[in-house]
Amino acid sequence: MTTRHSRKHRPNGNQHQSLVISKCPPGTVAAVSSAAVDRRLRSARGAVFGAFTLNGFLLAMWVVHIPAITDRTGVSASLLGMFVLLLAGTAIVGMRLAGPAADRIGSRTLVAVAAAAISVTVLGPGLATGPVSLAVALACFGFGNGALDVSMNTQAVQVERAYGRPIMSAFHAMFSGGGFAGSLVGAATQRAGLSPQVTLTCAGVAGLVVTAVLVPHLVAHRRPGAVAEPGRPETGSHVERYEGETEGSVEGVVTGETAGAVRQRSGSREVTNHPSALMKPDRTRKVLSLGVIAFVLLLAEGVAGDWSALQAREHLGVADGAAALAFGAFSATMTLGRFLADRVSAAIGPVAIVRYGSLLCAAGFAVVIASPWLPLTLIGWALCGLGLAGGVPQIFTTAGNLGGSTAATDMSRVFTIGYLGLLAGPALIGWLTALIPLTAALTIPLVLTLACACAASIVAPPHPAVRHGDG
């Protein structure tokens, strides 16, 4: 694949290499040399890492303080379950609204607003004094969390596109790392005797500071009427200009093969006539298909996360401490797998990641169901974590790279459908346990992940010219 570098002159006359422009359709990820990635793009990647880490950290800070907060507010376990559903419901609303908002005002602006919002609203549960105030606090926190999920993943797709190689899984690994850090900090502060009010206030202030530091480094918003860079031929690759772009800012890269790739105006309506942008019916089918795959994988993840320890205790009769190792095995391999998945995806492609990852997850569930020993059960849950590590990031990358001007909206739809799977999985298993043993109920995610492996081709990029290693 041939590449061309665009150069700009700084005011002092020094030349600085800009982002690489690859001669392939827009909204795709193509392999390029790491030498082509300049300092500003690395800064953008670091800022997105920060957003994912902050999200995981603040979410964990709420989770680890649940016992203390429920004691303070007098909330029962059953009522807490309703509040958790409330948090999830408002998160879905935040996701659905964040997609069109990010397409309109840019994901950088939305990351700033949403990250600041969850930094402020994470204080709410700590300050709540009763069920009503806790419900309001969780509703606000959930809404901000859903908006940040969509906006930061939209940023991640833009940065990955400019990098020209898979890096999405590493962003999701940083979310897991932020959650782990939050759990450690929360445990340490509670051991030190600090109240949730103090700890969550400090976490919120730290979140605001981190947000202020990372936002200026994020990718700027593209103007709706962006056109090819002046002086560049109308055929071949071109660069779209971004709102507020300066010589020192990170530019988005949009690549093309024909003059038709340049956006045109038709009255007040903008038309993107690049041949790689999917038409509306095809786009709708693709988004729904990606959402179904995300639903299945996140359903399996939710089941493993919520039921692994209990399954080990009930099926094997081990103590609570030993049973907790089941979730530890799952979460450890998932985090490790997310750090490794980008390199594997670059080598074998996103379809292979989803296909073989789903098969590995199904094998893990089969081992867990058949295992009579704790060490073998731990291996099974570890296989589940490793198999699920890379699939969802590949789905989000595909959803954000369908071409056209609704990338964030497409992603928010996939996010919403997938998130429903994360909620439905544990609930479905809970309902089934009234009829069959918990271990037998795990055949549901086993069968669904096998079906996901068969349908893995859905995550193939929509541009045949840049597919590689799709298995």
Protein backbone atom coordinates (compact mmCIF):
# COMPACT_ATOMS: atom_id res chain seq x y z
CA MET A 1 0.00 0.00 0.00
CA THR A 2 1.43 3.32 -0.96
CA THR A 3 1.42 6.28 1.37
CA ARG A 4 1.97 9.96 0.96
CA HIS A 5 3.06 12.37 3.67
CA SER A 6 1.71 15.90 3.83
CA ARG A 7 3.96 18.54 5.31
CA LYS A 8 3.22 21.91 6.79
CA HIS A 9 5.50 24.84 7.45
CA ARG A 10 5.52 26.19 10.95
CA PRO A 11 5.86 29.96 11.40
CA ASN A 12 9.54 29.52 12.26
CA GLY A 13 10.14 27.79 8.96
CA ASN A 14 10.76 24.32 10.37
CA GLN A 15 8.99 21.51 8.64
CA HIS A 16 7.02 19.04 10.71
CA GLN A 17 5.61 15.77 9.45
CA SER A 18 1.84 15.71 9.62
CA LEU A 19 -0.43 12.70 9.79
CA VAL A 20 -0.01 10.01 7.19
CA ILE A 21 -2.54 9.95 4.38
CA SER A 22 -3.21 6.48 3.08
CA LYS A 23 -4.69 5.92 -0.38
CA CYS A 24 -7.63 3.84 0.79
CA PRO A 25 -11.32 4.57 1.43
CA PRO A 26 -12.27 6.81 4.34
CA GLY A 27 -13.29 5.27 7.61
CA THR A 28 -10.84 2.38 7.31
CA VAL A 29 -7.77 1.29 9.21
CA ALA A 30 -4.75 0.58 7.05
CA ALA A 31 -1.30 -0.58 8.09
CA VAL A 32 1.35 2.16 8.11
CA SER A 33 4.83 2.54 9.52
CA SER A 34 5.03 3.59 13.17
CA ALA A 35 7.52 6.25 12.07
CA ALA A 36 4.64 8.05 10.42
CA VAL A 37 2.89 8.66 13.73
CA ASP A 38 3.91 12.10 14.97
CA ARG A 39 4.09 13.50 18.47
CA ARG A 40 0.69 15.18 18.32
CA LEU A 41 -1.07 11.96 17.38
CA ARG A 42 0.64 10.14 20.23
CA SER A 43 -0.57 12.92 22.50
CA ALA A 44 -4.13 12.36 21.25
CA ARG A 45 -3.83 8.65 21.92
CA GLY A 46 -2.60 9.37 25.43
CA ALA A 47 -5.55 11.66 26.03
CA VAL A 48 -8.02 8.97 24.95
CA PHE A 49 -6.20 6.51 27.21
CA GLY A 50 -6.79 9.01 30.00
CA ALA A 51 -10.52 9.25 29.24
CA PHE A 52 -10.97 5.47 29.34
CA THR A 53 -8.93 5.18 32.54
CA LEU A 54 -10.89 7.98 34.20
CA ASN A 55 -14.20 6.36 33.28
CA GLY A 56 -13.18 3.00 34.74
CA PHE A 57 -11.72 4.63 37.84
CA LEU A 58 -14.79 6.71 38.72
CA LEU A 59 -17.17 3.82 38.06
CA ALA A 60 -15.13 1.61 40.39
CA MET A 61 -15.13 4.30 43.06
CA TRP A 62 -18.93 4.10 43.16
CA VAL A 63 -18.97 0.28 43.13
CA VAL A 64 -16.51 -0.23 46.01
CA HIS A 65 -18.49 2.19 48.19
CA ILE A 66 -21.87 0.51 47.61
CA PRO A 67 -21.97 -1.22 51.04
CA ALA A 68 -21.14 1.96 52.95
CA ILE A 69 -23.54 4.07 50.87
CA THR A 70 -26.44 1.63 51.28
CA ASP A 71 -25.87 1.58 55.04
CA ARG A 72 -25.88 5.38 55.15
CA THR A 73 -29.03 5.77 53.03
CA GLY A 74 -30.94 2.82 54.47
CA VAL A 75 -31.40 1.19 51.06
CA SER A 76 -32.25 -2.51 51.07
CA ALA A 77 -30.70 -5.05 48.73
CA SER A 78 -33.87 -5.30 46.66
CA LEU A 79 -34.19 -1.53 46.34
CA LEU A 80 -30.50 -1.30 45.44
CA GLY A 81 -31.20 -3.68 42.55
CA MET A 82 -33.84 -1.27 41.28
CA PHE A 83 -31.41 1.63 41.59
CA VAL A 84 -28.77 -0.27 39.61
CA LEU A 85 -31.34 -0.75 36.85
CA LEU A 86 -32.09 2.97 37.06
CA LEU A 87 -28.39 3.73 36.59
CA ALA A 88 -28.26 1.39 33.61
CA GLY A 89 -31.41 2.88 32.10
CA THR A 90 -30.14 6.46 32.28
CA ALA A 91 -26.82 5.27 30.86
CA ILE A 92 -28.67 3.93 27.82
CA VAL A 93 -30.46 7.27 27.43
CA GLY A 94 -27.08 9.01 27.62
CA MET A 95 -25.68 6.71 24.94
CA ARG A 96 -28.58 7.28 22.57
CA LEU A 97 -28.39 11.05 22.89
CA ALA A 98 -24.59 11.19 22.78
CA GLY A 99 -24.29 9.73 19.27
CA PRO A 100 -26.14 12.46 17.36
CA ALA A 101 -24.64 15.09 19.68
CA ALA A 102 -21.10 13.91 18.92
CA ASP A 103 -21.82 13.97 15.18
CA ARG A 104 -23.12 17.53 15.53
CA ILE A 105 -20.68 19.19 17.94
CA GLY A 106 -17.79 16.76 17.91
CA SER A 107 -16.73 13.98 20.25
CA ARG A 108 -13.99 16.13 21.82
CA THR A 109 -16.54 18.61 23.16
CA LEU A 110 -18.78 15.80 24.32
CA VAL A 111 -15.91 14.01 26.09
CA ALA A 112 -15.19 17.24 27.95
CA VAL A 113 -18.81 17.68 29.01
CA ALA A 114 -19.43 14.03 29.90
CA ALA A 115 -16.14 13.52 31.77
CA ALA A 116 -16.78 16.68 33.79
CA ALA A 117 -20.34 15.49 34.44
CA ILE A 118 -19.35 12.11 35.88
CA SER A 119 -16.56 13.76 37.88
CA VAL A 120 -19.18 15.97 39.53
CA THR A 121 -21.99 13.42 39.81
CA VAL A 122 -19.79 10.72 41.37
CA LEU A 123 -20.03 12.91 44.49
CA GLY A 124 -23.80 12.40 44.55
CA PRO A 125 -23.94 8.87 45.98
CA GLY A 126 -21.52 9.86 48.74
CA LEU A 127 -23.62 12.88 49.68
CA ALA A 128 -26.96 11.06 49.46
CA THR A 129 -28.82 10.76 52.76
CA GLY A 130 -31.83 8.67 51.69
CA PRO A 131 -33.32 6.55 48.90
CA VAL A 132 -34.65 9.50 46.89
CA SER A 133 -31.41 11.47 46.85
CA LEU A 134 -29.46 8.30 46.02
CA ALA A 135 -31.80 7.55 43.11
CA VAL A 136 -31.36 11.06 41.71
CA ALA A 137 -27.58 10.85 42.13
CA LEU A 138 -27.35 7.49 40.34
CA ALA A 139 -29.58 8.67 37.51
CA CYS A 140 -27.30 11.65 36.87
CA PHE A 141 -24.15 9.54 37.17
CA GLY A 142 -25.53 6.90 34.80
CA PHE A 143 -26.49 9.47 32.17
CA GLY A 144 -23.01 11.00 32.18
CA ASN A 145 -21.38 7.58 32.09
CA GLY A 146 -23.38 6.56 29.01
CA ALA A 147 -22.52 9.79 27.20
CA LEU A 148 -18.83 9.38 28.01
CA ASP A 149 -18.86 5.77 26.79
CA VAL A 150 -20.00 6.80 23.32
CA SER A 151 -17.96 9.99 22.99
CA MET A 152 -14.65 8.49 24.13
CA ASN A 153 -15.11 5.46 21.85
CA THR A 154 -15.81 7.83 18.95
CA GLN A 155 -12.55 9.59 19.77
CA ALA A 156 -10.82 6.22 19.93
CA VAL A 157 -12.02 5.34 16.42
CA GLN A 158 -10.76 8.68 15.07
CA VAL A 159 -7.34 8.24 16.64
CA GLU A 160 -7.12 4.61 15.52
CA ARG A 161 -8.02 5.67 11.96
CA ALA A 162 -5.21 8.22 11.95
CA TYR A 163 -2.76 5.70 13.41
CA GLY A 164 -3.54 3.30 10.58
CA ARG A 165 -3.29 0.21 12.77
CA PRO A 166 -5.50 -1.47 15.40
CA ILE A 167 -5.26 0.18 18.84
CA MET A 168 -8.88 0.02 20.04
CA SER A 169 -8.45 -2.94 22.39
CA ALA A 170 -5.74 -1.11 24.32
CA PHE A 171 -8.20 1.69 25.07
CA HIS A 172 -10.62 -0.82 26.55
CA ALA A 173 -7.79 -2.37 28.53
CA MET A 174 -7.16 1.03 30.08
CA PHE A 175 -10.81 1.11 31.20
CA SER A 176 -10.21 -2.20 32.98
CA GLY A 177 -7.00 -0.82 34.43
CA GLY A 178 -8.81 2.28 35.67
CA GLY A 179 -11.40 0.06 37.35
CA PHE A 180 -8.67 -1.96 39.03
CA ALA A 181 -6.95 1.22 40.26
CA GLY A 182 -10.26 2.56 41.55
CA SER A 183 -10.92 -0.63 43.50
CA LEU A 184 -7.48 -0.43 45.12
CA VAL A 185 -7.87 3.25 46.02
CA GLY A 186 -11.37 2.68 47.38
CA ALA A 187 -10.26 -0.27 49.46
CA ALA A 188 -7.29 1.68 50.85
CA THR A 189 -9.34 4.74 51.78
CA GLN A 190 -11.99 2.63 53.49
CA ARG A 191 -9.32 0.77 55.42
CA ALA A 192 -7.93 4.15 56.47
CA GLY A 193 -11.38 5.10 57.80
CA LEU A 194 -12.19 7.84 55.29
CA SER A 195 -15.89 8.41 54.64
CA PRO A 196 -17.41 7.96 51.16
CA GLN A 197 -18.12 11.70 51.09
CA VAL A 198 -14.43 12.56 51.45
CA THR A 199 -13.17 9.87 49.09
CA LEU A 200 -15.69 10.52 46.32
CA THR A 201 -15.20 14.28 46.59
CA CYS A 202 -11.46 13.83 46.15
CA ALA A 203 -12.08 11.47 43.23
CA GLY A 204 -14.41 14.00 41.61
CA VAL A 205 -11.93 16.86 41.95
CA ALA A 206 -9.18 14.65 40.51
CA GLY A 207 -11.50 13.77 37.62
CA LEU A 208 -12.08 17.43 36.80
CA VAL A 209 -8.34 18.10 36.81
CA VAL A 210 -7.65 15.11 34.56
CA THR A 211 -10.42 16.20 32.19
CA ALA A 212 -9.00 19.71 31.92
CA VAL A 213 -5.56 18.28 31.11
CA LEU A 214 -6.57 15.70 28.51
CA VAL A 215 -9.29 17.50 26.51
CA PRO A 216 -6.97 19.94 24.63
CA HIS A 217 -5.09 16.93 23.22
CA LEU A 218 -8.13 15.18 21.77
CA VAL A 219 -8.97 15.19 18.05
CA ALA A 220 -10.80 18.33 16.95
CA HIS A 221 -14.24 18.32 15.39
CA ARG A 222 -14.57 18.28 11.59
CA ARG A 223 -16.68 21.05 10.09
CA PRO A 224 -19.71 19.70 8.21
CA GLY A 225 -18.65 21.43 5.00
CA ALA A 226 -15.06 20.24 5.10
CA VAL A 227 -13.30 20.10 1.76
CA ALA A 228 -10.00 18.89 0.47
CA GLU A 229 -6.90 20.71 1.62
CA PRO A 230 -6.06 23.68 -0.63
CA GLY A 231 -3.38 22.93 -3.18
CA ARG A 232 -3.97 19.17 -3.11
CA PRO A 233 -5.29 17.49 -6.27
CA GLU A 234 -8.94 16.53 -6.34
CA THR A 235 -8.05 12.98 -7.19
CA GLY A 236 -6.22 10.75 -4.77
CA SER A 237 -5.96 11.31 -1.05
CA HIS A 238 -7.15 14.42 0.71
CA VAL A 239 -7.40 15.85 4.20
CA GLU A 240 -10.50 17.32 5.78
CA ARG A 241 -10.12 20.45 7.86
CA TYR A 242 -11.30 20.54 11.44
CA GLU A 243 -13.07 23.20 13.47
CA GLY A 244 -10.54 25.17 15.45
CA GLU A 245 -7.60 23.42 13.80
CA THR A 246 -4.23 25.09 14.16
CA GLU A 247 -0.78 24.26 12.91
CA GLY A 248 -0.01 22.46 16.14
CA SER A 249 -3.27 20.55 16.48
CA VAL A 250 -4.09 17.00 15.54
CA GLU A 251 -5.86 16.83 12.18
CA GLY A 252 -8.28 14.11 11.24
CA VAL A 253 -7.34 12.08 8.21
CA VAL A 254 -9.93 11.23 5.61
CA THR A 255 -8.65 9.37 2.63
CA GLY A 256 -10.15 8.78 -0.77
CA GLU A 257 -9.62 7.40 -4.24
CA THR A 258 -11.71 9.68 -6.44
CA ALA A 259 -12.76 13.27 -6.72
CA GLY A 260 -16.21 12.11 -5.61
CA ALA A 261 -14.77 11.66 -2.12
CA VAL A 262 -14.92 15.43 -1.54
CA ARG A 263 -18.07 16.46 0.23
CA GLN A 264 -20.46 18.50 -1.83
CA ARG A 265 -23.24 20.89 -1.02
CA SER A 266 -26.78 20.52 -2.36
CA GLY A 267 -28.72 23.51 -1.08
CA SER A 268 -28.59 23.32 2.73
CA ARG A 269 -28.17 19.53 2.69
CA GLU A 270 -24.73 17.98 2.88
CA VAL A 271 -24.06 15.00 0.63
CA THR A 272 -21.24 12.52 1.10
CA ASN A 273 -20.96 10.72 -2.20
CA HIS A 274 -17.87 8.66 -1.62
CA PRO A 275 -18.52 5.14 -2.92
CA SER A 276 -17.28 3.58 0.33
CA ALA A 277 -20.01 5.20 2.45
CA LEU A 278 -22.83 2.69 2.94
CA MET A 279 -26.31 3.64 1.76
CA LYS A 280 -28.93 4.00 4.49
CA PRO A 281 -30.58 0.54 4.18
CA ASP A 282 -27.19 -1.20 4.08
CA ARG A 283 -25.93 0.94 6.95
CA THR A 284 -29.01 0.13 9.06
CA ARG A 285 -28.59 -3.61 8.47
CA LYS A 286 -24.89 -3.43 9.25
CA VAL A 287 -25.45 -1.45 12.46
CA LEU A 288 -28.16 -3.85 13.65
CA SER A 289 -25.97 -6.86 12.83
CA LEU A 290 -23.04 -5.40 14.71
CA GLY A 291 -25.36 -4.62 17.61
CA VAL A 292 -26.53 -8.25 17.76
CA ILE A 293 -22.92 -9.51 17.87
CA ALA A 294 -22.12 -6.97 20.59
CA PHE A 295 -25.25 -8.09 22.48
CA VAL A 296 -24.08 -11.71 22.49
CA LEU A 297 -20.49 -10.98 23.51
CA LEU A 298 -21.49 -8.56 26.25
CA LEU A 299 -24.17 -10.99 27.45
CA ALA A 300 -21.45 -13.60 27.88
CA GLU A 301 -19.23 -11.04 29.62
CA GLY A 302 -22.03 -10.07 32.00
CA VAL A 303 -22.72 -13.71 32.84
CA ALA A 304 -19.06 -14.41 33.55
CA GLY A 305 -18.62 -11.28 35.60
CA ASP A 306 -21.71 -11.70 37.78
CA TRP A 307 -22.03 -15.48 38.12
CA SER A 308 -18.51 -16.96 37.96
CA ALA A 309 -17.80 -16.87 41.69
CA LEU A 310 -21.24 -18.15 42.67
CA GLN A 311 -21.04 -20.94 40.09
CA ALA A 312 -17.71 -22.10 41.50
CA ARG A 313 -19.10 -22.13 45.05
CA GLU A 314 -22.35 -23.92 44.21
CA HIS A 315 -21.02 -26.39 41.66
CA LEU A 316 -17.79 -27.30 43.45
CA GLY A 317 -18.72 -26.60 47.07
CA VAL A 318 -15.62 -24.46 47.71
CA ALA A 319 -15.34 -21.62 50.21
CA ASP A 320 -16.12 -18.02 49.26
CA GLY A 321 -12.45 -17.05 49.12
CA ALA A 322 -11.63 -19.84 46.69
CA ALA A 323 -14.75 -19.15 44.64
CA ALA A 324 -13.69 -15.53 44.21
CA LEU A 325 -10.69 -16.80 42.24
CA ALA A 326 -13.07 -17.66 39.40
CA PHE A 327 -13.88 -14.01 38.75
CA GLY A 328 -10.21 -13.14 39.26
CA ALA A 329 -9.18 -15.61 36.56
CA PHE A 330 -11.76 -14.19 34.16
CA SER A 331 -10.95 -10.52 34.73
CA ALA A 332 -7.17 -11.04 34.67
CA THR A 333 -7.14 -12.78 31.28
CA MET A 334 -9.62 -10.29 29.86
CA THR A 335 -7.41 -7.36 30.83
CA LEU A 336 -4.28 -9.08 29.52
CA GLY A 337 -6.07 -10.08 26.33
CA ARG A 338 -7.15 -6.51 25.65
CA PHE A 339 -3.55 -5.33 25.82
CA LEU A 340 -2.54 -8.04 23.34
CA ALA A 341 -5.57 -7.99 21.03
CA ASP A 342 -4.44 -5.04 18.90
CA ARG A 343 -1.28 -6.79 17.77
CA VAL A 344 -3.20 -9.96 17.07
CA SER A 345 -5.86 -8.04 15.14
CA ALA A 346 -3.19 -6.37 13.02
CA ALA A 347 -1.87 -9.81 12.14
CA ILE A 348 -5.05 -11.82 11.52
CA GLY A 349 -7.83 -9.23 11.15
CA PRO A 350 -11.01 -8.37 13.09
CA VAL A 351 -13.11 -11.26 11.75
CA ALA A 352 -10.61 -13.81 13.02
CA ILE A 353 -10.49 -12.05 16.41
CA VAL A 354 -14.26 -12.34 16.81
CA ARG A 355 -14.50 -15.85 15.34
CA TYR A 356 -11.69 -17.53 17.25
CA GLY A 357 -12.30 -15.46 20.36
CA SER A 358 -15.94 -16.58 20.43
CA LEU A 359 -14.87 -20.19 19.95
CA LEU A 360 -12.37 -19.84 22.79
CA CYS A 361 -15.07 -18.37 25.02
CA ALA A 362 -17.46 -21.20 24.16
CA ALA A 363 -14.73 -23.69 24.99
CA GLY A 364 -14.23 -21.93 28.31
CA PHE A 365 -17.93 -22.26 29.19
CA ALA A 366 -17.81 -25.94 28.20
CA VAL A 367 -14.86 -26.52 30.52
CA VAL A 368 -16.63 -24.72 33.38
CA ILE A 369 -19.80 -26.78 32.90
CA ALA A 370 -17.94 -30.10 32.81
CA SER A 371 -15.25 -29.37 35.41
CA PRO A 372 -15.30 -31.21 38.76
CA TRP A 373 -12.17 -29.45 40.09
CA LEU A 374 -11.46 -25.84 40.98
CA PRO A 375 -8.16 -25.55 39.01
CA LEU A 376 -9.91 -26.73 35.84
CA THR A 377 -12.82 -24.36 36.49
CA LEU A 378 -10.37 -21.48 36.83
CA ILE A 379 -8.86 -22.45 33.48
CA GLY A 380 -12.33 -22.40 31.96
CA TRP A 381 -13.13 -18.91 33.25
CA ALA A 382 -9.68 -17.75 32.13
CA LEU A 383 -10.46 -19.00 28.61
CA CYS A 384 -13.74 -17.06 28.69
CA GLY A 385 -11.92 -13.86 29.61
CA LEU A 386 -9.28 -14.32 26.95
CA GLY A 387 -11.84 -15.15 24.29
CA LEU A 388 -14.02 -12.12 25.05
CA ALA A 389 -11.14 -9.65 25.36
CA GLY A 390 -10.84 -8.50 21.76
CA GLY A 391 -14.25 -8.94 20.18
CA VAL A 392 -16.21 -5.91 21.36
CA PRO A 393 -13.44 -3.39 20.48
CA GLN A 394 -13.42 -4.79 16.93
CA ILE A 395 -17.18 -4.27 16.71
CA PHE A 396 -16.92 -0.65 17.84
CA THR A 397 -14.13 0.00 15.35
CA THR A 398 -16.25 -1.39 12.52
CA ALA A 399 -19.30 0.62 13.62
CA GLY A 400 -17.28 3.84 13.72
CA ASN A 401 -15.82 3.24 10.27
CA LEU A 402 -18.90 2.78 8.12
CA GLY A 403 -18.27 6.03 6.26
CA GLY A 404 -20.50 9.08 6.05
CA SER A 405 -21.22 11.67 8.71
CA THR A 406 -23.04 9.62 11.37
CA ALA A 407 -20.19 7.62 12.88
CA ALA A 408 -21.01 8.50 16.48
CA THR A 409 -24.72 7.83 15.95
CA ASP A 410 -23.92 4.41 14.48
CA MET A 411 -21.68 3.64 17.41
CA SER A 412 -24.27 4.77 19.95
CA ARG A 413 -26.81 2.37 18.42
CA VAL A 414 -24.38 -0.54 18.58
CA PHE A 415 -23.44 0.50 22.12
CA THR A 416 -27.07 0.55 23.24
CA ILE A 417 -27.88 -2.89 21.83
CA GLY A 418 -24.68 -4.35 23.26
CA TYR A 419 -25.24 -2.77 26.65
CA LEU A 420 -28.67 -4.40 26.79
CA GLY A 421 -26.87 -7.74 26.47
CA LEU A 422 -24.62 -6.85 29.40
CA LEU A 423 -27.75 -6.25 31.49
CA ALA A 424 -29.84 -9.12 30.10
CA GLY A 425 -27.21 -11.84 30.50
CA PRO A 426 -27.00 -11.93 34.29
CA ALA A 427 -30.77 -11.43 34.60
CA LEU A 428 -31.51 -14.28 32.17
CA ILE A 429 -29.26 -16.66 34.09
CA GLY A 430 -30.89 -15.57 37.34
CA TRP A 431 -34.35 -16.39 35.98
CA LEU A 432 -33.19 -19.76 34.67
CA THR A 433 -31.75 -20.77 38.05
CA ALA A 434 -35.34 -21.03 39.31
CA LEU A 435 -35.80 -23.90 36.84
CA ILE A 436 -32.38 -25.49 36.33
CA PRO A 437 -28.99 -25.51 38.13
CA LEU A 438 -26.75 -22.48 37.59
CA THR A 439 -24.08 -24.52 35.84
CA ALA A 440 -26.62 -25.93 33.36
CA ALA A 441 -27.84 -22.38 32.62
CA LEU A 442 -24.36 -21.55 31.32
CA THR A 443 -25.19 -23.52 28.18
CA ILE A 444 -27.05 -20.39 27.02
CA PRO A 445 -23.92 -18.20 26.61
CA LEU A 446 -22.05 -21.26 25.28
CA VAL A 447 -24.52 -21.73 22.43
CA LEU A 448 -24.78 -17.99 21.73
CA THR A 449 -21.00 -17.54 21.47
CA LEU A 450 -20.84 -20.47 19.05
CA ALA A 451 -23.46 -18.70 16.93
CA CYS A 452 -21.42 -15.51 17.18
CA ALA A 453 -18.39 -17.36 15.82
CA CYS A 454 -20.45 -18.45 12.80
CA ALA A 455 -21.56 -14.84 12.18
CA ALA A 456 -18.14 -13.25 12.73
CA SER A 457 -17.90 -12.04 9.12
CA ILE A 458 -20.30 -9.24 10.10
CA VAL A 459 -17.38 -7.31 11.60
CA ALA A 460 -15.47 -7.30 8.31
CA PRO A 461 -14.62 -3.76 7.16
CA PRO A 462 -17.06 -2.51 4.50
CA HIS A 463 -14.14 -1.77 2.13
CA PRO A 464 -12.74 -4.89 0.47
CA ALA A 465 -9.62 -3.02 -0.66
CA VAL A 466 -8.21 -2.89 2.85
CA ARG A 467 -9.31 -6.18 4.32
CA HIS A 468 -6.46 -8.26 5.57
CA GLY A 469 -6.31 -11.41 7.60
CA ASP A 470 -10.05 -11.75 7.95
CA GLY A 471 -9.73 -15.46 8.39
